[in-house]
């Protein structure tokens, strides 16, 4: 073969190898070498290396490299380094910031610096998180403490209000609060022109009961009578302790007959129900009641206070009538009495 023919053939091979290494799509084997087994094998090996490098560039480290030689060895080393680097990155991802890399040149230095900074950042965030968590727990405890204190204050306020309004022994309205409550209801009744009743109740022979059984049993008797009376009232009725063994009632929207019926119901309940003393003895009590009706449609709004006072006086007078007539009875009075 002449020298110029050999040069042309060499140039053709060089051009083919350049295209095989540089083109996106590999060239076909030149016709002059299509039947050359060595050339075909070389072509296949280069294509395999191209495929391996393309896989590496896309992140696929799975190709199995079976070839030998410098290029294949370099690919194997690169594959091993990339796999090891991937493992280290996964360890860092899982929180292991002790990982370091020394086999990837400048990339190793950057990786190591990144891990150190990441660890410092994570530590700082963890400390802030712990601080915030502790603060949140402290705030929650403070909120619970304040809520508990507020609830206790509300309960205490409600208890104080209740104690200010009610008799501590019988739990009915006390003499100080009863007038204000009734006057408000009386004004409403006067506006609507509805009749109302006042009622006084006195436990018969209560001093004799105290003398015979003692003041502790006397207190229990007061509670007993108050409980029976409350159970026989309507929801709109108001009951208060006037003093000693005397109780006062306001029957809203009630004429004389209705007021007398409520009073009689209370009297019968007390007379029919014995109180059990602590020594087991059963003792019957009786009560006297006086009822006064107030036809508010005849009254004027500025007469509310006078009407209230007069109603009490009438009911009190009716009570004394009941006691003079033998006790254990209901007597009534009207505004005109």
C-alpha atoms as a PDB file:
ATOM      1  CA  UNK A   1       0.000   0.000   0.000  1.00  0.00           C
ATOM      2  CA  UNK A   2       1.388   3.359  -1.014  1.00  0.00           C
ATOM      3  CA  UNK A   3       2.222   5.946   1.594  1.00  0.00           C
ATOM      4  CA  UNK A   4      -0.549   8.323   0.529  1.00  0.00           C
ATOM      5  CA  UNK A   5      -3.111   5.473   0.733  1.00  0.00           C
ATOM      6  CA  UNK A   6      -1.984   4.646   4.268  1.00  0.00           C
ATOM      7  CA  UNK A   7      -2.290   8.310   5.239  1.00  0.00           C
ATOM      8  CA  UNK A   8      -5.798   8.499   3.819  1.00  0.00           C
ATOM      9  CA  UNK A   9      -6.768   5.351   5.730  1.00  0.00           C
ATOM     10  CA  UNK A  10      -5.260   6.701   8.948  1.00  0.00           C
ATOM     11  CA  UNK A  11      -7.134   9.990   8.519  1.00  0.00           C
ATOM     12  CA  UNK A  12     -10.361   8.085   7.953  1.00  0.00           C
ATOM     13  CA  UNK A  13      -9.804   6.080  11.164  1.00  0.00           C
ATOM     14  CA  UNK A  14      -8.950   9.227  13.125  1.00  0.00           C
ATOM     15  CA  UNK A  15     -12.081  10.972  11.838  1.00  0.00           C
ATOM     16  CA  UNK A  16     -14.169   7.932  12.724  1.00  0.00           C
ATOM     17  CA  UNK A  17     -12.737   7.754  16.276  1.00  0.00           C
ATOM     18  CA  UNK A  18     -13.258  11.515  16.740  1.00  0.00           C
ATOM     19  CA  UNK A  19     -16.919  11.167  15.730  1.00  0.00           C
ATOM     20  CA  UNK A  20     -17.286   8.067  17.901  1.00  0.00           C
ATOM     21  CA  UNK A  21     -16.003   9.997  20.914  1.00  0.00           C
ATOM     22  CA  UNK A  22     -17.584  13.379  20.197  1.00  0.00           C
ATOM     23  CA  UNK A  23     -20.866  13.048  18.313  1.00  0.00           C
ATOM     24  CA  UNK A  24     -24.208  12.734  20.110  1.00  0.00           C
ATOM     25  CA  UNK A  25     -25.105   9.864  17.790  1.00  0.00           C
ATOM     26  CA  UNK A  26     -22.301   7.357  17.196  1.00  0.00           C
ATOM     27  CA  UNK A  27     -21.201   6.879  13.566  1.00  0.00           C
ATOM     28  CA  UNK A  28     -21.507   3.656  11.687  1.00  0.00           C
ATOM     29  CA  UNK A  29     -18.440   1.486  11.129  1.00  0.00           C
ATOM     30  CA  UNK A  30     -16.698   2.517   7.893  1.00  0.00           C
ATOM     31  CA  UNK A  31     -17.332   0.032   5.095  1.00  0.00           C
ATOM     32  CA  UNK A  32     -13.631  -0.658   4.815  1.00  0.00           C
ATOM     33  CA  UNK A  33     -13.652  -2.064   8.360  1.00  0.00           C
ATOM     34  CA  UNK A  34     -17.125  -3.596   8.524  1.00  0.00           C
ATOM     35  CA  UNK A  35     -15.720  -7.125   8.315  1.00  0.00           C
ATOM     36  CA  UNK A  36     -12.774  -6.524  10.614  1.00  0.00           C
ATOM     37  CA  UNK A  37     -13.463  -8.284  13.933  1.00  0.00           C
ATOM     38  CA  UNK A  38     -10.970  -6.178  15.903  1.00  0.00           C
ATOM     39  CA  UNK A  39     -12.470  -2.964  14.552  1.00  0.00           C
ATOM     40  CA  UNK A  40     -16.000  -4.142  15.334  1.00  0.00           C
ATOM     41  CA  UNK A  41     -14.942  -5.108  18.870  1.00  0.00           C
ATOM     42  CA  UNK A  42     -13.284  -1.701  19.351  1.00  0.00           C
ATOM     43  CA  UNK A  43     -16.477  -0.024  18.107  1.00  0.00           C
ATOM     44  CA  UNK A  44     -18.608  -2.033  20.592  1.00  0.00           C
ATOM     45  CA  UNK A  45     -16.297  -1.276  23.535  1.00  0.00           C
ATOM     46  CA  UNK A  46     -16.375   2.483  22.822  1.00  0.00           C
ATOM     47  CA  UNK A  47     -20.177   2.374  22.550  1.00  0.00           C
ATOM     48  CA  UNK A  48     -20.374   0.563  25.892  1.00  0.00           C
ATOM     49  CA  UNK A  49     -18.152   3.149  27.569  1.00  0.00           C
ATOM     50  CA  UNK A  50     -20.281   5.907  26.036  1.00  0.00           C
ATOM     51  CA  UNK A  51     -23.388   4.299  27.528  1.00  0.00           C
ATOM     52  CA  UNK A  52     -21.760   3.965  30.955  1.00  0.00           C
ATOM     53  CA  UNK A  53     -20.656   7.602  31.011  1.00  0.00           C
ATOM     54  CA  UNK A  54     -24.102   8.740  29.826  1.00  0.00           C
ATOM     55  CA  UNK A  55     -25.694   6.745  32.655  1.00  0.00           C
ATOM     56  CA  UNK A  56     -23.294   8.282  35.197  1.00  0.00           C
ATOM     57  CA  UNK A  57     -24.107  11.766  33.924  1.00  0.00           C
ATOM     58  CA  UNK A  58     -27.817  11.154  34.543  1.00  0.00           C
ATOM     59  CA  UNK A  59     -27.226   9.765  38.062  1.00  0.00           C
ATOM     60  CA  UNK A  60     -27.554   6.079  37.191  1.00  0.00           C
ATOM     61  CA  UNK A  61     -24.672   4.249  38.835  1.00  0.00           C
ATOM     62  CA  UNK A  62     -26.003   0.776  38.174  1.00  0.00           C
ATOM     63  CA  UNK A  63     -24.164  -0.223  34.917  1.00  0.00           C
ATOM     64  CA  UNK A  64     -21.890  -3.255  35.312  1.00  0.00           C
ATOM     65  CA  UNK A  65     -18.438  -2.540  33.842  1.00  0.00           C
ATOM     66  CA  UNK A  66     -16.850  -5.745  32.469  1.00  0.00           C
ATOM     67  CA  UNK A  67     -14.165  -4.212  30.344  1.00  0.00           C
ATOM     68  CA  UNK A  68     -10.523  -3.867  31.246  1.00  0.00           C
ATOM     69  CA  UNK A  69      -8.053  -1.099  30.636  1.00  0.00           C
ATOM     70  CA  UNK A  70      -7.439   2.464  31.697  1.00  0.00           C
ATOM     71  CA  UNK A  71     -10.773   3.891  30.530  1.00  0.00           C
ATOM     72  CA  UNK A  72     -12.781   1.053  32.049  1.00  0.00           C
ATOM     73  CA  UNK A  73     -10.773   1.261  35.269  1.00  0.00           C
ATOM     74  CA  UNK A  74     -11.330   5.002  35.457  1.00  0.00           C
ATOM     75  CA  UNK A  75     -15.073   4.449  34.969  1.00  0.00           C
ATOM     76  CA  UNK A  76     -15.062   1.819  37.735  1.00  0.00           C
ATOM     77  CA  UNK A  77     -13.201   4.191  40.065  1.00  0.00           C
ATOM     78  CA  UNK A  78     -15.598   7.007  39.205  1.00  0.00           C
ATOM     79  CA  UNK A  79     -18.570   4.703  39.777  1.00  0.00           C
ATOM     80  CA  UNK A  80     -17.212   3.626  43.189  1.00  0.00           C
ATOM     81  CA  UNK A  81     -16.502   7.214  44.225  1.00  0.00           C
ATOM     82  CA  UNK A  82     -19.928   8.382  43.152  1.00  0.00           C
ATOM     83  CA  UNK A  83     -21.598   5.514  45.019  1.00  0.00           C
ATOM     84  CA  UNK A  84     -19.575   6.247  48.150  1.00  0.00           C
ATOM     85  CA  UNK A  85     -20.337   9.942  47.846  1.00  0.00           C
ATOM     86  CA  UNK A  86     -24.050   9.110  47.501  1.00  0.00           C
ATOM     87  CA  UNK A  87     -23.873   6.979  50.654  1.00  0.00           C
ATOM     88  CA  UNK A  88     -22.186   9.787  52.581  1.00  0.00           C
ATOM     89  CA  UNK A  89     -24.827  12.261  51.434  1.00  0.00           C
ATOM     90  CA  UNK A  90     -27.535   9.821  52.604  1.00  0.00           C
ATOM     91  CA  UNK A  91     -25.831   9.552  56.006  1.00  0.00           C
ATOM     92  CA  UNK A  92     -25.786  13.332  56.305  1.00  0.00           C
ATOM     93  CA  UNK A  93     -29.443  13.371  55.292  1.00  0.00           C
ATOM     94  CA  UNK A  94     -30.129  10.964  58.167  1.00  0.00           C
ATOM     95  CA  UNK A  95     -28.430  13.307  60.635  1.00  0.00           C
ATOM     96  CA  UNK A  96     -24.860  11.986  60.735  1.00  0.00           C
ATOM     97  CA  UNK A  97     -22.778  15.147  60.399  1.00  0.00           C
ATOM     98  CA  UNK A  98     -19.470  13.366  61.112  1.00  0.00           C
ATOM     99  CA  UNK A  99     -19.170  12.335  57.461  1.00  0.00           C
ATOM    100  CA  UNK A 100     -16.140  13.704  55.580  1.00  0.00           C
ATOM    101  CA  UNK A 101     -14.863  13.173  52.044  1.00  0.00           C
ATOM    102  CA  UNK A 102     -11.253  13.163  50.768  1.00  0.00           C
ATOM    103  CA  UNK A 103     -11.400  11.445  47.392  1.00  0.00           C
ATOM    104  CA  UNK A 104     -13.131  14.016  45.154  1.00  0.00           C
ATOM    105  CA  UNK A 105     -10.688  16.939  45.143  1.00  0.00           C
ATOM    106  CA  UNK A 106     -12.297  20.371  45.376  1.00  0.00           C
ATOM    107  CA  UNK A 107     -15.697  18.746  45.662  1.00  0.00           C
ATOM    108  CA  UNK A 108     -14.529  17.018  48.850  1.00  0.00           C
ATOM    109  CA  UNK A 109     -13.504  20.338  50.389  1.00  0.00           C
ATOM    110  CA  UNK A 110     -16.852  21.900  49.473  1.00  0.00           C
ATOM    111  CA  UNK A 111     -18.730  18.874  50.785  1.00  0.00           C
ATOM    112  CA  UNK A 112     -16.845  18.893  54.066  1.00  0.00           C
ATOM    113  CA  UNK A 113     -17.414  22.632  54.554  1.00  0.00           C
ATOM    114  CA  UNK A 114     -21.092  22.188  53.748  1.00  0.00           C
ATOM    115  CA  UNK A 115     -21.450  19.418  56.343  1.00  0.00           C
ATOM    116  CA  UNK A 116     -19.709  21.496  59.016  1.00  0.00           C
ATOM    117  CA  UNK A 117     -21.934  24.510  58.313  1.00  0.00           C
ATOM    118  CA  UNK A 118     -25.002  22.336  58.117  1.00  0.00           C
ATOM    119  CA  UNK A 119     -24.184  20.775  61.479  1.00  0.00           C
ATOM    120  CA  UNK A 120     -23.681  24.220  63.013  1.00  0.00           C
ATOM    121  CA  UNK A 121     -26.954  25.438  61.512  1.00  0.00           C
ATOM    122  CA  UNK A 122     -28.833  22.358  62.715  1.00  0.00           C
ATOM    123  CA  UNK A 123     -27.367  22.749  66.212  1.00  0.00           C
ATOM    124  CA  UNK A 124     -28.383  26.403  66.288  1.00  0.00           C
ATOM    125  CA  UNK A 125     -31.886  25.548  65.078  1.00  0.00           C
ATOM    126  CA  UNK A 126     -32.110  22.736  67.622  1.00  0.00           C
ATOM    127  CA  UNK A 127     -31.105  25.095  70.414  1.00  0.00           C
ATOM    128  CA  UNK A 128     -33.662  27.643  69.241  1.00  0.00           C
ATOM    129  CA  UNK A 129     -36.269  24.904  69.016  1.00  0.00           C
ATOM    130  CA  UNK A 130     -35.472  23.769  72.552  1.00  0.00           C
ATOM    131  CA  UNK A 131     -35.661  27.371  73.742  1.00  0.00           C
ATOM    132  CA  UNK A 132     -38.979  27.902  71.951  1.00  0.00           C
ATOM    133  CA  UNK A 133     -40.305  24.590  73.257  1.00  0.00           C
ATOM    134  CA  UNK A 134     -39.345  25.512  76.804  1.00  0.00           C
ATOM    135  CA  UNK A 135     -40.946  28.923  76.312  1.00  0.00           C
ATOM    136  CA  UNK A 136     -44.093  27.331  74.896  1.00  0.00           C
ATOM    137  CA  UNK A 137     -44.295  24.937  77.842  1.00  0.00           C
ATOM    138  CA  UNK A 138     -43.761  27.837  80.221  1.00  0.00           C
ATOM    139  CA  UNK A 139     -46.479  29.843  78.487  1.00  0.00           C
ATOM    140  CA  UNK A 140     -48.841  26.867  78.562  1.00  0.00           C
ATOM    141  CA  UNK A 141     -48.201  26.419  82.266  1.00  0.00           C
ATOM    142  CA  UNK A 142     -48.762  30.133  82.808  1.00  0.00           C
ATOM    143  CA  UNK A 143     -51.993  29.998  80.814  1.00  0.00           C
ATOM    144  CA  UNK A 144     -53.181  26.988  82.806  1.00  0.00           C
ATOM    145  CA  UNK A 145     -52.209  28.721  86.046  1.00  0.00           C
ATOM    146  CA  UNK A 146     -53.960  31.928  85.043  1.00  0.00           C
ATOM    147  CA  UNK A 147     -56.993  30.019  83.784  1.00  0.00           C
ATOM    148  CA  UNK A 148     -57.173  28.081  87.030  1.00  0.00           C
ATOM    149  CA  UNK A 149     -56.800  31.273  89.040  1.00  0.00           C
ATOM    150  CA  UNK A 150     -59.444  33.008  86.926  1.00  0.00           C
ATOM    151  CA  UNK A 151     -61.793  30.070  87.351  1.00  0.00           C
ATOM    152  CA  UNK A 152     -61.257  30.120  91.106  1.00  0.00           C
ATOM    153  CA  UNK A 153     -61.880  33.866  91.151  1.00  0.00           C
ATOM    154  CA  UNK A 154     -65.079  33.373  89.192  1.00  0.00           C
ATOM    155  CA  UNK A 155     -66.162  30.615  91.520  1.00  0.00           C
ATOM    156  CA  UNK A 156     -65.274  32.749  94.524  1.00  0.00           C
ATOM    157  CA  UNK A 157     -67.132  35.703  93.035  1.00  0.00           C
ATOM    158  CA  UNK A 158     -70.175  33.522  92.380  1.00  0.00           C
ATOM    159  CA  UNK A 159     -69.913  32.127  95.907  1.00  0.00           C
ATOM    160  CA  UNK A 160     -69.636  35.599  97.422  1.00  0.00           C
ATOM    161  CA  UNK A 161     -72.581  36.805  95.377  1.00  0.00           C
ATOM    162  CA  UNK A 162     -74.586  33.800  96.487  1.00  0.00           C
ATOM    163  CA  UNK A 163     -73.632  34.346 100.127  1.00  0.00           C
ATOM    164  CA  UNK A 164     -74.513  38.027  99.831  1.00  0.00           C
ATOM    165  CA  UNK A 165     -77.962  37.123  98.526  1.00  0.00           C
ATOM    166  CA  UNK A 166     -78.862  34.041 100.545  1.00  0.00           C
ATOM    167  CA  UNK A 167     -79.342  33.048 104.135  1.00  0.00           C
ATOM    168  CA  UNK A 168     -76.421  30.712 104.996  1.00  0.00           C
ATOM    169  CA  UNK A 169     -78.598  28.348 107.062  1.00  0.00           C
ATOM    170  CA  UNK A 170     -81.669  27.830 104.851  1.00  0.00           C
ATOM    171  CA  UNK A 171     -80.296  28.916 101.426  1.00  0.00           C
ATOM    172  CA  UNK A 172     -83.294  31.152 100.733  1.00  0.00           C
ATOM    173  CA  UNK A 173     -82.929  34.881 100.019  1.00  0.00           C
ATOM    174  CA  UNK A 174     -81.800  36.871 103.027  1.00  0.00           C
ATOM    175  CA  UNK A 175     -83.652  39.823 104.451  1.00  0.00           C
ATOM    176  CA  UNK A 176     -81.259  42.308 102.823  1.00  0.00           C
ATOM    177  CA  UNK A 177     -81.633  41.033  99.274  1.00  0.00           C
ATOM    178  CA  UNK A 178     -85.301  39.959  99.308  1.00  0.00           C
ATOM    179  CA  UNK A 179     -86.703  43.540  99.095  1.00  0.00           C
ATOM    180  CA  UNK A 180     -84.682  44.512  96.012  1.00  0.00           C
ATOM    181  CA  UNK A 181     -85.611  41.317  94.167  1.00  0.00           C
ATOM    182  CA  UNK A 182     -89.306  41.701  94.996  1.00  0.00           C
ATOM    183  CA  UNK A 183     -89.493  45.408  94.181  1.00  0.00           C
ATOM    184  CA  UNK A 184     -88.220  44.726  90.659  1.00  0.00           C
ATOM    185  CA  UNK A 185     -90.875  42.066  90.173  1.00  0.00           C
ATOM    186  CA  UNK A 186     -93.510  44.305  91.733  1.00  0.00           C
ATOM    187  CA  UNK A 187     -92.730  47.075  89.244  1.00  0.00           C
ATOM    188  CA  UNK A 188     -93.141  44.622  86.384  1.00  0.00           C
ATOM    189  CA  UNK A 189     -96.462  43.460  87.814  1.00  0.00           C
ATOM    190  CA  UNK A 190     -97.642  47.062  88.163  1.00  0.00           C
ATOM    191  CA  UNK A 191     -96.723  47.725  84.534  1.00  0.00           C
ATOM    192  CA  UNK A 192     -98.761  44.720  83.408  1.00  0.00           C
ATOM    193  CA  UNK A 193    -101.569  45.379  85.911  1.00  0.00           C
ATOM    194  CA  UNK A 194    -101.223  41.961  87.515  1.00  0.00           C
ATOM    195  CA  UNK A 195    -102.137  41.165  91.107  1.00  0.00           C
ATOM    196  CA  UNK A 196     -99.502  39.803  93.490  1.00  0.00           C
ATOM    197  CA  UNK A 197     -99.467  38.397  97.003  1.00  0.00           C
ATOM    198  CA  UNK A 198     -97.211  38.687 100.011  1.00  0.00           C
ATOM    199  CA  UNK A 199     -97.094  35.896 102.561  1.00  0.00           C
ATOM    200  CA  UNK A 200     -95.530  35.518 105.990  1.00  0.00           C
ATOM    201  CA  UNK A 201     -94.814  32.102 107.576  1.00  0.00           C
ATOM    202  CA  UNK A 202     -94.044  31.481 111.236  1.00  0.00           C
ATOM    203  CA  UNK A 203     -93.129  28.112 112.769  1.00  0.00           C
ATOM    204  CA  UNK A 204     -95.549  27.472 115.590  1.00  0.00           C
ATOM    205  CA  UNK A 205     -94.186  27.127 119.129  1.00  0.00           C
ATOM    206  CA  UNK A 206     -90.609  27.249 117.847  1.00  0.00           C
ATOM    207  CA  UNK A 207     -89.174  28.488 121.158  1.00  0.00           C
ATOM    208  CA  UNK A 208     -90.631  25.459 122.888  1.00  0.00           C
ATOM    209  CA  UNK A 209     -89.075  23.214 120.231  1.00  0.00           C
ATOM    210  CA  UNK A 210     -85.663  24.831 120.813  1.00  0.00           C
ATOM    211  CA  UNK A 211     -86.025  24.497 124.580  1.00  0.00           C
ATOM    212  CA  UNK A 212     -86.977  20.834 124.294  1.00  0.00           C
ATOM    213  CA  UNK A 213     -84.506  19.681 121.638  1.00  0.00           C
ATOM    214  CA  UNK A 214     -81.723  22.278 121.533  1.00  0.00           C
ATOM    215  CA  UNK A 215     -80.666  24.935 119.087  1.00  0.00           C
ATOM    216  CA  UNK A 216     -78.871  22.506 116.744  1.00  0.00           C
ATOM    217  CA  UNK A 217     -82.122  20.659 116.183  1.00  0.00           C
ATOM    218  CA  UNK A 218     -83.771  24.074 115.905  1.00  0.00           C
ATOM    219  CA  UNK A 219     -81.476  24.952 112.998  1.00  0.00           C
ATOM    220  CA  UNK A 220     -82.292  21.625 111.359  1.00  0.00           C
ATOM    221  CA  UNK A 221     -85.998  22.380 111.814  1.00  0.00           C
ATOM    222  CA  UNK A 222     -85.563  25.731 110.050  1.00  0.00           C
ATOM    223  CA  UNK A 223     -83.812  23.981 107.156  1.00  0.00           C
ATOM    224  CA  UNK A 224     -86.520  21.310 107.100  1.00  0.00           C
ATOM    225  CA  UNK A 225     -89.394  23.820 106.880  1.00  0.00           C
ATOM    226  CA  UNK A 226     -87.566  25.957 104.291  1.00  0.00           C
ATOM    227  CA  UNK A 227     -86.982  22.890 102.121  1.00  0.00           C
ATOM    228  CA  UNK A 228     -90.635  21.801 102.290  1.00  0.00           C
ATOM    229  CA  UNK A 229     -91.786  25.318 101.474  1.00  0.00           C
ATOM    230  CA  UNK A 230     -89.492  25.649  98.452  1.00  0.00           C
ATOM    231  CA  UNK A 231     -90.679  22.333  97.041  1.00  0.00           C
ATOM    232  CA  UNK A 232     -94.283  23.601  97.127  1.00  0.00           C
ATOM    233  CA  UNK A 233     -93.661  26.974  95.454  1.00  0.00           C
ATOM    234  CA  UNK A 234     -94.098  27.865  91.821  1.00  0.00           C
ATOM    235  CA  UNK A 235     -91.070  28.801  89.707  1.00  0.00           C
ATOM    236  CA  UNK A 236     -92.100  32.460  89.753  1.00  0.00           C
ATOM    237  CA  UNK A 237     -92.459  32.645  93.543  1.00  0.00           C
ATOM    238  CA  UNK A 238     -89.778  34.233  95.742  1.00  0.00           C
ATOM    239  CA  UNK A 239     -88.913  33.098  99.281  1.00  0.00           C
ATOM    240  CA  UNK A 240     -86.773  34.821 101.881  1.00  0.00           C
ATOM    241  CA  UNK A 241     -85.881  34.462 105.537  1.00  0.00           C
ATOM    242  CA  UNK A 242     -87.255  37.434 107.416  1.00  0.00           C
ATOM    243  CA  UNK A 243     -85.741  36.622 110.790  1.00  0.00           C
ATOM    244  CA  UNK A 244     -85.693  33.908 113.455  1.00  0.00           C
ATOM    245  CA  UNK A 245     -88.328  31.303 112.553  1.00  0.00           C
ATOM    246  CA  UNK A 246     -90.165  33.647 110.180  1.00  0.00           C
ATOM    247  CA  UNK A 247     -90.103  33.452 106.369  1.00  0.00           C
ATOM    248  CA  UNK A 248     -91.568  35.788 103.764  1.00  0.00           C
ATOM    249  CA  UNK A 249     -92.881  34.991 100.263  1.00  0.00           C
ATOM    250  CA  UNK A 250     -93.830  36.958  97.149  1.00  0.00           C
ATOM    251  CA  UNK A 251     -96.322  35.241  94.839  1.00  0.00           C
ATOM    252  CA  UNK A 252     -96.004  36.943  91.451  1.00  0.00           C
ATOM    253  CA  UNK A 253     -99.052  37.143  89.148  1.00  0.00           C
ATOM    254  CA  UNK A 254    -101.307  35.710  91.825  1.00  0.00           C
ATOM    255  CA  UNK A 255    -104.756  36.686  93.078  1.00  0.00           C
ATOM    256  CA  UNK A 256    -105.887  36.110  96.625  1.00  0.00           C
ATOM    257  CA  UNK A 257    -107.220  32.616  96.020  1.00  0.00           C
ATOM    258  CA  UNK A 258    -104.069  31.480  94.214  1.00  0.00           C
ATOM    259  CA  UNK A 259    -101.879  32.933  96.964  1.00  0.00           C
ATOM    260  CA  UNK A 260    -103.937  31.262  99.646  1.00  0.00           C
ATOM    261  CA  UNK A 261    -103.712  27.943  97.754  1.00  0.00           C
ATOM    262  CA  UNK A 262     -99.892  28.090  97.710  1.00  0.00           C
ATOM    263  CA  UNK A 263     -99.801  28.957 101.420  1.00  0.00           C
ATOM    264  CA  UNK A 264    -102.213  26.135 102.247  1.00  0.00           C
ATOM    265  CA  UNK A 265    -100.105  23.683 100.251  1.00  0.00           C
ATOM    266  CA  UNK A 266     -97.053  24.654 102.307  1.00  0.00           C
ATOM    267  CA  UNK A 267     -98.979  24.392 105.589  1.00  0.00           C
ATOM    268  CA  UNK A 268    -100.269  20.901 104.767  1.00  0.00           C
ATOM    269  CA  UNK A 269     -96.828  19.691 103.688  1.00  0.00           C
ATOM    270  CA  UNK A 270     -95.270  20.762 106.992  1.00  0.00           C
ATOM    271  CA  UNK A 271     -98.128  19.361 109.070  1.00  0.00           C
ATOM    272  CA  UNK A 272     -98.023  15.998 107.279  1.00  0.00           C
ATOM    273  CA  UNK A 273     -94.245  15.478 107.321  1.00  0.00           C
ATOM    274  CA  UNK A 274     -92.420  14.754 110.585  1.00  0.00           C
ATOM    275  CA  UNK A 275     -88.811  15.814 111.096  1.00  0.00           C
ATOM    276  CA  UNK A 276     -86.423  13.073 112.172  1.00  0.00           C
ATOM    277  CA  UNK A 277     -84.273  14.208 115.058  1.00  0.00           C
ATOM    278  CA  UNK A 278     -80.723  12.947 115.469  1.00  0.00           C
ATOM    279  CA  UNK A 279     -81.812  10.671 118.306  1.00  0.00           C
ATOM    280  CA  UNK A 280     -84.295   8.972 115.987  1.00  0.00           C
ATOM    281  CA  UNK A 281     -87.372  10.679 117.400  1.00  0.00           C
ATOM    282  CA  UNK A 282     -89.989  11.792 114.847  1.00  0.00           C
ATOM    283  CA  UNK A 283     -91.538  15.188 115.636  1.00  0.00           C
ATOM    284  CA  UNK A 284     -94.372  16.932 113.826  1.00  0.00           C
ATOM    285  CA  UNK A 285     -94.261  20.707 113.335  1.00  0.00           C
ATOM    286  CA  UNK A 286     -96.875  23.188 112.230  1.00  0.00           C
ATOM    287  CA  UNK A 287     -96.776  26.636 110.686  1.00  0.00           C
ATOM    288  CA  UNK A 288     -99.059  29.652 110.549  1.00  0.00           C
ATOM    289  CA  UNK A 289     -99.266  31.787 107.395  1.00  0.00           C
ATOM    290  CA  UNK A 290    -100.730  35.173 106.526  1.00  0.00           C
ATOM    291  CA  UNK A 291    -101.463  36.176 102.922  1.00  0.00           C
ATOM    292  CA  UNK A 292    -102.169  39.665 101.531  1.00  0.00           C
ATOM    293  CA  UNK A 293    -103.215  40.381  97.938  1.00  0.00           C
ATOM    294  CA  UNK A 294    -102.094  43.577  96.144  1.00  0.00           C
ATOM    295  CA  UNK A 295    -104.288  44.563  93.165  1.00  0.00           C
ATOM    296  CA  UNK A 296    -101.468  46.464  91.426  1.00  0.00           C
ATOM    297  CA  UNK A 297    -103.636  47.680  88.561  1.00  0.00           C
ATOM    298  CA  UNK A 298    -105.029  50.288  90.973  1.00  0.00           C
ATOM    299  CA  UNK A 299    -101.550  51.470  92.041  1.00  0.00           C
ATOM    300  CA  UNK A 300     -99.274  54.009  90.398  1.00  0.00           C
ATOM    301  CA  UNK A 301     -95.604  53.428  89.605  1.00  0.00           C
ATOM    302  CA  UNK A 302     -94.410  55.978  92.155  1.00  0.00           C
ATOM    303  CA  UNK A 303     -96.365  54.044  94.815  1.00  0.00           C
ATOM    304  CA  UNK A 304     -94.177  50.900  94.412  1.00  0.00           C
ATOM    305  CA  UNK A 305     -92.242  51.417  97.641  1.00  0.00           C
ATOM    306  CA  UNK A 306     -95.367  52.228  99.635  1.00  0.00           C
ATOM    307  CA  UNK A 307     -97.186  49.293  98.063  1.00  0.00           C
ATOM    308  CA  UNK A 308     -94.336  46.949  99.018  1.00  0.00           C
ATOM    309  CA  UNK A 309     -94.290  48.130 102.632  1.00  0.00           C
ATOM    310  CA  UNK A 310     -98.057  48.015 102.922  1.00  0.00           C
ATOM    311  CA  UNK A 311     -98.191  44.504 101.470  1.00  0.00           C
ATOM    312  CA  UNK A 312     -95.742  43.301 104.104  1.00  0.00           C
ATOM    313  CA  UNK A 313     -97.733  44.930 106.875  1.00  0.00           C
ATOM    314  CA  UNK A 314    -100.977  43.329 105.659  1.00  0.00           C
ATOM    315  CA  UNK A 315     -99.386  39.868 105.389  1.00  0.00           C
ATOM    316  CA  UNK A 316     -97.853  40.285 108.833  1.00  0.00           C
ATOM    317  CA  UNK A 317    -101.217  41.267 110.291  1.00  0.00           C
ATOM    318  CA  UNK A 318    -102.854  38.241 108.653  1.00  0.00           C
ATOM    319  CA  UNK A 319    -100.130  36.036 110.167  1.00  0.00           C
ATOM    320  CA  UNK A 320    -100.864  37.308 113.663  1.00  0.00           C
ATOM    321  CA  UNK A 321    -104.560  36.666 113.033  1.00  0.00           C
ATOM    322  CA  UNK A 322    -103.690  33.040 112.158  1.00  0.00           C
ATOM    323  CA  UNK A 323    -101.681  32.705 115.358  1.00  0.00           C
ATOM    324  CA  UNK A 324    -104.428  34.255 117.503  1.00  0.00           C
ATOM    325  CA  UNK A 325    -106.989  31.898 116.004  1.00  0.00           C
ATOM    326  CA  UNK A 326    -105.068  28.819 117.095  1.00  0.00           C
ATOM    327  CA  UNK A 327    -102.053  28.491 114.741  1.00  0.00           C
ATOM    328  CA  UNK A 328    -101.535  25.830 112.034  1.00  0.00           C
ATOM    329  CA  UNK A 329    -103.768  27.767 109.635  1.00  0.00           C
ATOM    330  CA  UNK A 330    -103.742  30.298 106.765  1.00  0.00           C
ATOM    331  CA  UNK A 331    -105.409  33.702 107.139  1.00  0.00           C
ATOM    332  CA  UNK A 332    -105.763  36.291 104.373  1.00  0.00           C
ATOM    333  CA  UNK A 333    -105.998  40.069 104.107  1.00  0.00           C
ATOM    334  CA  UNK A 334    -106.603  42.542 101.266  1.00  0.00           C
ATOM    335  CA  UNK A 335    -105.227  45.960 100.456  1.00  0.00           C
ATOM    336  CA  UNK A 336    -108.383  47.540 101.815  1.00  0.00           C
ATOM    337  CA  UNK A 337    -108.077  45.895 105.243  1.00  0.00           C
END
